[in-house]
Amino acid sequence: MSRFSGLFMRLALLLLLASGMMACTGSRKAVREPIREQGAQFLTSKLKEHELKFNQFSARFNATYTVNRKKTTVSGSIRIYHDSIIWIAITPALGLEAVRFMLTPDSIKYLNRLNNTYLVRDFTYINQLINNTLDFDMAQSFLLGNDFSLYDSNSFKASVENQQYKLNTENRRKIRRFVRHNEADISIPLQSIWLDPESFKVTRVLLKEADRNSRKFQATYTDFKEVDGKRIPSGLDFKVETEEKKIGIRIAYSKIQIDQVLTYPFRIPDNYTEIKELQPEK
């Protein structure tokens, strides 16, 4: 695989994982009062009430991908069919599509137009590739600024930080009835979620392992826009930190549409060669 095709593949995956905090108003007392009375249950119910609800989502995007200060910029399109499909087309230059990527709860499909190759694997391959735990629900939530819908919300603790609500939990587990056949036991060691105190939209998510020097993933959501009466973040900033490197991707959505009729084409040309493995750029 060429250097560029490896880069685009990694970028597509980071879009699935895929700073600053939103300004807010109101006194500290006003922010604290609800959680003193009702605690984390109040915040989790408000989070679910105000999250983006949709059947289909689409947008154009510009993205800047950074590895240890080395930057690459691309553009493309994203389409999401709720709980079913995440479809991404990456266009590096001149309006010509380089990579098409489709994720379902069961599979990953990858089409590379630069070297006429394709890959079709089951979902577990993603976790092998990125050496981390990810499922479709997580990927969809990260891309839209929602909370994970298939994970328990009973263990959160509530607080206030920098005039925003904050939810913390340890060892958050996938709800048993949503664990798929042969799926590994998935849990989140440490998670923090920050909420705007007026809109109750997620402004920041932090995931990290329990060890002091372990991996850390952060998502920040800014530039919220009203689309068909729904509040949607158009600025997404993802950061992955390990002992070896720092990886980031900053995304700007434009031309956002909700619940338009969409297609999710993924036809593999006859002259394309199947590959069994992807080798992300180091």
Protein backbone atom coordinates (compact mmCIF):
# COMPACT_ATOMS: atom_id res chain seq x y z
CA MET A 1 0.00 0.00 0.00
CA SER A 2 1.37 3.45 -0.87
CA ARG A 3 2.15 6.08 1.75
CA PHE A 4 -0.90 8.10 0.73
CA SER A 5 -3.35 5.20 0.68
CA GLY A 6 -2.18 4.22 4.16
CA LEU A 7 -2.72 7.78 5.32
CA PHE A 8 -6.26 7.94 3.94
CA MET A 9 -7.15 4.62 5.54
CA ARG A 10 -5.95 5.82 8.93
CA LEU A 11 -7.83 9.09 8.47
CA ALA A 12 -11.05 7.21 7.73
CA LEU A 13 -10.61 5.15 10.89
CA LEU A 14 -9.87 8.22 13.00
CA LEU A 15 -13.04 9.79 11.64
CA LEU A 16 -14.81 6.93 13.34
CA LEU A 17 -13.13 7.31 16.69
CA ALA A 18 -13.21 10.27 15.73
CA SER A 19 -9.99 22.07 21.86
CA GLY A 20 -11.48 24.44 23.73
CA MET A 21 -14.70 24.65 25.66
CA MET A 22 -17.97 26.32 24.73
CA ALA A 23 -18.74 29.53 26.55
CA CYS A 24 -21.72 29.44 28.87
CA THR A 25 -23.69 31.85 31.03
CA GLY A 26 -25.34 31.81 34.42
CA SER A 27 -24.02 31.85 37.97
CA ARG A 28 -22.13 28.96 39.59
CA LYS A 29 -24.96 28.57 42.07
CA ALA A 30 -27.50 28.19 39.26
CA VAL A 31 -25.33 25.54 37.62
CA ARG A 32 -24.83 23.60 40.84
CA GLU A 33 -28.40 23.63 42.12
CA PRO A 34 -29.93 20.87 39.91
CA ILE A 35 -27.20 18.32 40.63
CA ARG A 36 -27.36 19.04 44.36
CA GLU A 37 -31.04 18.13 44.25
CA GLN A 38 -31.10 15.33 41.65
CA GLY A 39 -27.49 14.34 41.02
CA ALA A 40 -26.20 12.41 38.02
CA GLN A 41 -29.64 11.06 37.14
CA PHE A 42 -30.77 14.60 36.31
CA LEU A 43 -27.79 15.14 33.97
CA THR A 44 -28.00 11.78 32.20
CA SER A 45 -31.73 12.26 31.54
CA LYS A 46 -31.11 15.76 30.15
CA LEU A 47 -28.23 14.44 28.04
CA LYS A 48 -30.49 11.82 26.44
CA GLU A 49 -33.33 14.31 26.00
CA HIS A 50 -31.20 16.81 24.08
CA GLU A 51 -28.95 14.53 22.03
CA LEU A 52 -29.27 14.44 18.24
CA LYS A 53 -32.11 12.16 17.16
CA PHE A 54 -32.16 11.26 13.48
CA ASN A 55 -32.74 8.58 10.89
CA GLN A 56 -30.16 9.75 8.33
CA PHE A 57 -27.36 12.33 8.57
CA SER A 58 -25.10 13.73 5.86
CA ALA A 59 -22.45 16.44 5.62
CA ARG A 60 -19.43 17.62 3.71
CA PHE A 61 -16.25 17.94 5.74
CA ASN A 62 -12.77 19.37 5.74
CA ALA A 63 -10.32 17.56 7.97
CA THR A 64 -6.78 18.20 9.17
CA TYR A 65 -4.89 15.10 10.24
CA THR A 66 -1.83 15.54 12.49
CA VAL A 67 0.76 13.01 13.62
CA ASN A 68 3.53 14.40 15.84
CA ARG A 69 3.05 17.89 14.31
CA LYS A 70 3.01 16.67 10.70
CA LYS A 71 -0.23 17.83 9.07
CA THR A 72 -2.28 16.68 6.09
CA THR A 73 -5.57 18.23 4.95
CA VAL A 74 -8.32 16.46 3.01
CA SER A 75 -12.02 16.87 2.36
CA GLY A 76 -14.88 14.50 1.77
CA SER A 77 -18.44 13.43 2.54
CA ILE A 78 -20.00 11.47 5.38
CA ARG A 79 -23.40 9.76 5.54
CA ILE A 80 -24.87 7.95 8.52
CA TYR A 81 -27.92 5.70 8.63
CA HIS A 82 -28.86 5.49 12.29
CA ASP A 83 -27.45 2.38 13.98
CA SER A 84 -26.83 0.76 10.56
CA ILE A 85 -24.24 2.40 8.28
CA ILE A 86 -21.40 4.91 8.45
CA TRP A 87 -20.26 5.80 4.92
CA ILE A 88 -17.23 8.03 4.26
CA ALA A 89 -15.68 9.17 0.97
CA ILE A 90 -12.31 10.96 1.19
CA THR A 91 -11.26 13.40 -1.52
CA PRO A 92 -7.65 14.60 -1.14
CA ALA A 93 -7.39 16.95 -4.13
CA LEU A 94 -8.92 18.02 -7.46
CA GLY A 95 -12.34 16.67 -6.44
CA LEU A 96 -11.30 13.05 -7.16
CA GLU A 97 -12.32 10.44 -4.61
CA ALA A 98 -9.39 8.44 -3.22
CA VAL A 99 -10.94 6.20 -0.59
CA ARG A 100 -14.45 4.96 0.20
CA PHE A 101 -15.12 3.42 3.55
CA MET A 102 -18.27 1.79 4.93
CA LEU A 103 -18.85 0.52 8.43
CA THR A 104 -21.81 -1.51 9.68
CA PRO A 105 -22.29 -3.13 13.10
CA ASP A 106 -20.90 -6.35 11.57
CA SER A 107 -18.38 -5.32 8.94
CA ILE A 108 -15.78 -2.92 7.60
CA LYS A 109 -15.45 -2.30 3.86
CA TYR A 110 -12.64 -0.32 2.28
CA LEU A 111 -12.22 0.72 -1.37
CA ASN A 112 -8.96 2.36 -2.53
CA ARG A 113 -9.17 4.05 -5.92
CA LEU A 114 -5.49 5.02 -5.89
CA ASN A 115 -4.22 1.46 -6.21
CA ASN A 116 -7.40 -0.44 -7.23
CA THR A 117 -7.70 -2.51 -4.07
CA TYR A 118 -10.46 -3.36 -1.63
CA LEU A 119 -10.92 -5.03 1.72
CA VAL A 120 -13.95 -6.62 3.39
CA ARG A 121 -13.63 -7.86 6.97
CA ASP A 122 -15.80 -8.35 10.02
CA PHE A 123 -16.01 -5.58 12.60
CA THR A 124 -13.52 -7.13 15.01
CA TYR A 125 -10.79 -6.35 12.49
CA ILE A 126 -10.98 -2.66 13.42
CA ASN A 127 -10.05 -3.42 17.01
CA GLN A 128 -7.12 -5.51 15.83
CA LEU A 129 -5.99 -2.73 13.52
CA ILE A 130 -6.10 0.14 15.99
CA ASN A 131 -5.20 -2.01 19.01
CA ASN A 132 -8.09 -0.56 20.93
CA THR A 133 -11.74 -1.20 21.71
CA LEU A 134 -14.34 0.31 19.42
CA ASP A 135 -17.84 -0.66 18.36
CA PHE A 136 -20.36 0.84 15.96
CA ASP A 137 -22.27 2.63 18.70
CA MET A 138 -19.10 4.40 19.88
CA ALA A 139 -18.10 5.42 16.35
CA GLN A 140 -21.54 6.83 15.54
CA SER A 141 -21.66 8.74 18.84
CA PHE A 142 -18.22 10.29 18.41
CA LEU A 143 -19.08 11.58 14.94
CA LEU A 144 -22.27 13.31 16.13
CA GLY A 145 -21.49 14.43 19.67
CA ASN A 146 -23.92 11.99 21.28
CA ASP A 147 -23.39 9.73 24.27
CA PHE A 148 -23.04 5.98 23.78
CA SER A 149 -26.55 4.56 23.60
CA LEU A 150 -25.75 0.89 24.29
CA TYR A 151 -23.79 1.41 27.53
CA ASP A 152 -25.07 1.67 31.08
CA SER A 153 -25.55 5.14 32.58
CA ASN A 154 -26.12 4.13 36.19
CA SER A 155 -22.62 4.62 37.57
CA PHE A 156 -22.02 8.27 36.70
CA LYS A 157 -21.09 10.84 39.34
CA ALA A 158 -22.00 14.49 38.74
CA SER A 159 -20.03 17.65 39.38
CA VAL A 160 -19.42 21.14 37.98
CA GLU A 161 -16.17 22.18 36.33
CA ASN A 162 -15.46 25.53 34.65
CA GLN A 163 -19.17 26.38 34.64
CA GLN A 164 -20.07 23.19 32.81
CA TYR A 165 -21.70 20.02 34.07
CA LYS A 166 -19.39 17.03 34.28
CA LEU A 167 -20.20 13.32 34.44
CA ASN A 168 -17.56 10.78 35.52
CA THR A 169 -17.64 7.01 35.56
CA GLU A 170 -15.32 4.03 35.85
CA ASN A 171 -15.61 0.69 34.11
CA ARG A 172 -18.71 1.59 32.09
CA ARG A 173 -20.03 -1.59 30.49
CA LYS A 174 -22.09 -2.43 27.46
CA ILE A 175 -25.66 -3.37 28.36
CA ARG A 176 -25.87 -7.14 28.24
CA ARG A 177 -28.81 -7.36 25.82
CA PHE A 178 -26.80 -5.36 23.25
CA VAL A 179 -23.69 -7.55 23.38
CA ARG A 180 -23.48 -9.24 20.00
CA HIS A 181 -22.73 -12.93 19.46
CA ASN A 182 -19.01 -13.69 19.90
CA GLU A 183 -18.33 -10.06 20.85
CA ALA A 184 -15.65 -9.53 23.44
CA ASP A 185 -16.65 -8.07 26.78
CA ILE A 186 -16.42 -4.34 26.16
CA SER A 187 -15.99 -1.85 28.96
CA ILE A 188 -14.66 1.71 29.27
CA PRO A 189 -12.08 2.06 32.07
CA LEU A 190 -12.48 5.81 32.73
CA GLN A 191 -14.83 8.28 31.05
CA SER A 192 -15.66 11.95 31.59
CA ILE A 193 -18.37 13.91 29.76
CA TRP A 194 -18.80 17.69 29.87
CA LEU A 195 -22.21 19.25 29.13
CA ASP A 196 -23.22 22.80 28.31
CA PRO A 197 -25.48 23.93 31.20
CA GLU A 198 -28.07 25.52 28.91
CA SER A 199 -28.34 23.16 25.94
CA PHE A 200 -27.14 19.96 27.69
CA LYS A 201 -25.18 19.15 24.54
CA VAL A 202 -21.90 17.27 24.89
CA THR A 203 -18.97 19.66 24.55
CA ARG A 204 -16.14 17.31 25.48
CA VAL A 205 -15.53 13.59 26.09
CA LEU A 206 -12.43 12.07 27.66
CA LEU A 207 -11.63 8.34 27.65
CA LYS A 208 -8.51 6.96 29.24
CA GLU A 209 -7.04 3.83 30.68
CA ALA A 210 -6.48 3.49 34.41
CA ASP A 211 -2.67 3.41 34.28
CA ARG A 212 -0.85 6.71 34.73
CA ASN A 213 0.96 6.65 31.38
CA SER A 214 -1.71 4.88 29.34
CA ARG A 215 -3.53 5.94 26.19
CA LYS A 216 -5.97 8.82 26.22
CA PHE A 217 -8.68 9.82 23.75
CA GLN A 218 -10.40 13.21 23.78
CA ALA A 219 -13.23 14.58 21.63
CA THR A 220 -14.22 18.25 21.72
CA TYR A 221 -17.35 19.68 20.05
CA THR A 222 -17.76 23.34 19.05
CA ASP A 223 -19.50 25.62 16.54
CA PHE A 224 -23.01 24.27 17.14
CA LYS A 225 -25.49 25.00 14.36
CA GLU A 226 -29.27 24.75 14.13
CA VAL A 227 -30.36 22.34 11.38
CA ASP A 228 -34.09 21.64 11.11
CA GLY A 229 -34.52 22.66 14.72
CA LYS A 230 -31.71 20.35 15.91
CA ARG A 231 -28.49 21.60 17.51
CA ILE A 232 -25.49 19.92 15.87
CA PRO A 233 -21.74 20.45 16.38
CA SER A 234 -19.97 21.45 13.17
CA GLY A 235 -16.52 21.53 14.77
CA LEU A 236 -15.03 18.24 16.00
CA ASP A 237 -11.55 17.87 17.44
CA PHE A 238 -10.23 14.36 18.21
CA LYS A 239 -6.93 13.70 20.00
CA VAL A 240 -5.24 10.38 20.75
CA GLU A 241 -2.20 10.40 23.02
CA THR A 242 0.14 7.52 23.78
CA GLU A 243 3.66 7.37 25.13
CA GLU A 244 4.99 7.12 21.56
CA LYS A 245 2.96 9.70 19.63
CA LYS A 246 0.20 12.25 19.49
CA ILE A 247 -2.46 11.90 16.79
CA GLY A 248 -5.16 14.44 16.08
CA ILE A 249 -7.87 15.16 13.58
CA ARG A 250 -9.87 18.36 13.38
CA ILE A 251 -13.09 18.22 11.36
CA ALA A 252 -15.35 20.99 10.12
CA TYR A 253 -18.78 19.89 8.90
CA SER A 254 -20.66 21.91 6.29
CA LYS A 255 -23.86 21.41 4.28
CA ILE A 256 -25.34 19.34 7.10
CA GLN A 257 -28.64 17.63 6.31
CA ILE A 258 -30.92 15.62 8.56
CA ASP A 259 -33.33 12.89 7.43
CA GLN A 260 -32.92 13.40 3.70
CA VAL A 261 -33.22 10.28 1.53
CA LEU A 262 -29.67 8.99 1.00
CA THR A 263 -27.91 6.15 -0.77
CA TYR A 264 -24.80 4.32 0.44
CA PRO A 265 -23.14 2.96 -2.70
CA PHE A 266 -20.28 0.52 -2.36
CA ARG A 267 -19.69 -1.36 -5.61
CA ILE A 268 -16.36 -3.14 -6.02
CA PRO A 269 -15.14 -2.99 -9.67
CA ASP A 270 -14.22 -6.31 -11.25
CA ASN A 271 -10.61 -5.26 -11.85
CA TYR A 272 -9.91 -4.43 -8.20
CA THR A 273 -7.66 -6.71 -6.14
CA GLU A 274 -8.73 -7.92 -2.72
CA ILE A 275 -6.31 -7.36 0.14
CA LYS A 276 -6.49 -9.09 3.50
CA GLU A 277 -4.68 -6.54 5.64
CA LEU A 278 -4.30 -2.79 5.90
CA GLN A 279 -1.06 -1.27 7.04
CA PRO A 280 -1.71 2.13 8.62
CA GLU A 281 0.94 4.76 8.23
CA LYS A 282 3.21 4.82 11.28
